Amino acid sequence: MRKVVRREAVLVELASETPGAEIRELDDTAALRSERDVAVDAAQGVDVAHRRVEYFVPIPGSTPDQYYSNGGQAGQVLVRLSNVE
């Protein structure tokens, strides 16, 4: 049971630091969902204003804990957190 609490604690901490983030259930797993509006910024290559939705999801059964994220410039990312207590 400790692993579930630990993973949820990671999500709670990230949600407290991420504007527009909330914890939701995704396929029976607690996950972090955030959304934000992205303004036009030609210098950054953003031609059209849009809304960005990102998810951060713990991967069940991973040791050490690993998380999947669909956000950021790199697209899909696997995050490994080995020193989180």
C-alpha atoms as a PDB file:
ATOM      1  CA  MET A   1       0.000   0.000   0.000  1.00  0.00           C
ATOM      2  CA  ARG A   2       2.945   2.366   0.585  1.00  0.00           C
ATOM      3  CA  LYS A   3       3.656   2.613  -3.153  1.00  0.00           C
ATOM      4  CA  VAL A   4       0.118   3.854  -3.896  1.00  0.00           C
ATOM      5  CA  VAL A   5       0.390   6.522  -1.194  1.00  0.00           C
ATOM      6  CA  ARG A   6       3.828   7.538  -2.430  1.00  0.00           C
ATOM      7  CA  ARG A   7       2.687   7.859  -6.051  1.00  0.00           C
ATOM      8  CA  GLU A   8      -0.369   9.863  -5.070  1.00  0.00           C
ATOM      9  CA  ALA A   9       1.850  12.093  -2.910  1.00  0.00           C
ATOM     10  CA  VAL A  10       3.958  12.842  -5.996  1.00  0.00           C
ATOM     11  CA  LEU A  11       0.812  13.795  -7.922  1.00  0.00           C
ATOM     12  CA  VAL A  12      -0.479  15.982  -5.069  1.00  0.00           C
ATOM     13  CA  GLU A  13       2.857  17.810  -4.853  1.00  0.00           C
ATOM     14  CA  LEU A  14       2.998  18.386  -8.614  1.00  0.00           C
ATOM     15  CA  ALA A  15      -0.626  19.567  -8.651  1.00  0.00           C
ATOM     16  CA  SER A  16       0.188  22.146  -5.956  1.00  0.00           C
ATOM     17  CA  GLU A  17       3.007  23.535  -8.123  1.00  0.00           C
ATOM     18  CA  THR A  18       1.330  23.378 -11.549  1.00  0.00           C
ATOM     19  CA  PRO A  19      -1.214  26.057 -12.527  1.00  0.00           C
ATOM     20  CA  GLY A  20      -4.464  24.559 -13.816  1.00  0.00           C
ATOM     21  CA  ALA A  21      -3.581  21.044 -12.629  1.00  0.00           C
ATOM     22  CA  GLU A  22      -5.921  18.588 -10.965  1.00  0.00           C
ATOM     23  CA  ILE A  23      -5.818  14.937 -10.021  1.00  0.00           C
ATOM     24  CA  ARG A  24      -8.208  12.766 -12.003  1.00  0.00           C
ATOM     25  CA  GLU A  25      -8.769   9.072 -12.416  1.00  0.00           C
ATOM     26  CA  LEU A  26      -7.587   7.667 -15.734  1.00  0.00           C
ATOM     27  CA  ASP A  27      -8.383   3.979 -16.322  1.00  0.00           C
ATOM     28  CA  ASP A  28      -8.656   3.337 -12.542  1.00  0.00           C
ATOM     29  CA  THR A  29      -5.334   5.103 -11.874  1.00  0.00           C
ATOM     30  CA  ALA A  30      -4.822   8.477 -10.207  1.00  0.00           C
ATOM     31  CA  ALA A  31      -3.254  10.844 -12.759  1.00  0.00           C
ATOM     32  CA  LEU A  32      -2.387  14.521 -12.978  1.00  0.00           C
ATOM     33  CA  ARG A  33      -4.125  16.531 -15.705  1.00  0.00           C
ATOM     34  CA  SER A  34      -3.259  20.120 -16.511  1.00  0.00           C
ATOM     35  CA  GLU A  35      -4.380  22.492 -19.186  1.00  0.00           C
ATOM     36  CA  ARG A  36      -3.304  25.946 -20.194  1.00  0.00           C
ATOM     37  CA  ASP A  37      -3.895  28.431 -22.945  1.00  0.00           C
ATOM     38  CA  VAL A  38      -0.961  29.031 -25.279  1.00  0.00           C
ATOM     39  CA  ALA A  39      -0.861  32.401 -26.989  1.00  0.00           C
ATOM     40  CA  VAL A  40       0.466  33.116 -30.471  1.00  0.00           C
ATOM     41  CA  ASP A  41       4.237  33.592 -30.316  1.00  0.00           C
ATOM     42  CA  ALA A  42       5.880  33.701 -33.746  1.00  0.00           C
ATOM     43  CA  ALA A  43       9.356  33.810 -32.186  1.00  0.00           C
ATOM     44  CA  GLN A  44       8.645  30.417 -30.543  1.00  0.00           C
ATOM     45  CA  GLY A  45       6.994  28.973 -33.652  1.00  0.00           C
ATOM     46  CA  VAL A  46       3.444  29.152 -32.243  1.00  0.00           C
ATOM     47  CA  ASP A  47       1.329  30.340 -35.169  1.00  0.00           C
ATOM     48  CA  VAL A  48      -2.112  29.751 -33.641  1.00  0.00           C
ATOM     49  CA  ALA A  49      -3.406  30.259 -30.112  1.00  0.00           C
ATOM     50  CA  HIS A  50      -4.493  26.948 -28.577  1.00  0.00           C
ATOM     51  CA  ARG A  51      -5.149  25.047 -25.370  1.00  0.00           C
ATOM     52  CA  ARG A  52      -2.545  22.510 -24.255  1.00  0.00           C
ATOM     53  CA  VAL A  53      -3.686  19.520 -22.180  1.00  0.00           C
ATOM     54  CA  GLU A  54      -1.025  17.411 -20.491  1.00  0.00           C
ATOM     55  CA  TYR A  55      -1.159  14.206 -18.432  1.00  0.00           C
ATOM     56  CA  PHE A  56       1.318  12.783 -15.910  1.00  0.00           C
ATOM     57  CA  VAL A  57       0.454   9.162 -15.075  1.00  0.00           C
ATOM     58  CA  PRO A  58       2.182   6.611 -12.815  1.00  0.00           C
ATOM     59  CA  ILE A  59       3.035   3.363 -14.599  1.00  0.00           C
ATOM     60  CA  PRO A  60       1.521   0.498 -12.585  1.00  0.00           C
ATOM     61  CA  GLY A  61       3.993  -2.089 -11.285  1.00  0.00           C
ATOM     62  CA  SER A  62       7.104  -0.035 -12.077  1.00  0.00           C
ATOM     63  CA  THR A  63      10.018  -0.203  -9.615  1.00  0.00           C
ATOM     64  CA  PRO A  64      11.410   2.307  -9.026  1.00  0.00           C
ATOM     65  CA  ASP A  65       8.356   4.416  -9.728  1.00  0.00           C
ATOM     66  CA  GLN A  66       8.073   5.557 -13.323  1.00  0.00           C
ATOM     67  CA  TYR A  67       5.613   8.019 -14.818  1.00  0.00           C
ATOM     68  CA  TYR A  68       4.370   8.714 -18.332  1.00  0.00           C
ATOM     69  CA  SER A  69       3.937  12.300 -19.511  1.00  0.00           C
ATOM     70  CA  ASN A  70       2.569  13.475 -22.842  1.00  0.00           C
ATOM     71  CA  GLY A  71       3.649  17.085 -22.307  1.00  0.00           C
ATOM     72  CA  GLY A  72       6.598  19.261 -23.095  1.00  0.00           C
ATOM     73  CA  GLN A  73       8.613  19.991 -26.188  1.00  0.00           C
ATOM     74  CA  ALA A  74       9.819  16.396 -26.443  1.00  0.00           C
ATOM     75  CA  GLY A  75       6.286  15.031 -26.706  1.00  0.00           C
ATOM     76  CA  GLN A  76       5.938  11.738 -24.849  1.00  0.00           C
ATOM     77  CA  VAL A  77       8.323  11.240 -21.957  1.00  0.00           C
ATOM     78  CA  LEU A  78       9.000   8.470 -19.445  1.00  0.00           C
ATOM     79  CA  VAL A  79      10.021   9.916 -16.074  1.00  0.00           C
ATOM     80  CA  ARG A  80      11.813   7.874 -13.421  1.00  0.00           C
ATOM     81  CA  LEU A  81      11.698   9.109  -9.820  1.00  0.00           C
ATOM     82  CA  SER A  82      13.941   6.918  -7.689  1.00  0.00           C
ATOM     83  CA  ASN A  83      14.555   9.151  -4.661  1.00  0.00           C
ATOM     84  CA  VAL A  84      11.025  10.272  -3.826  1.00  0.00           C
ATOM     85  CA  GLU A  85       9.930   9.445  -0.261  1.00  0.00           C
END
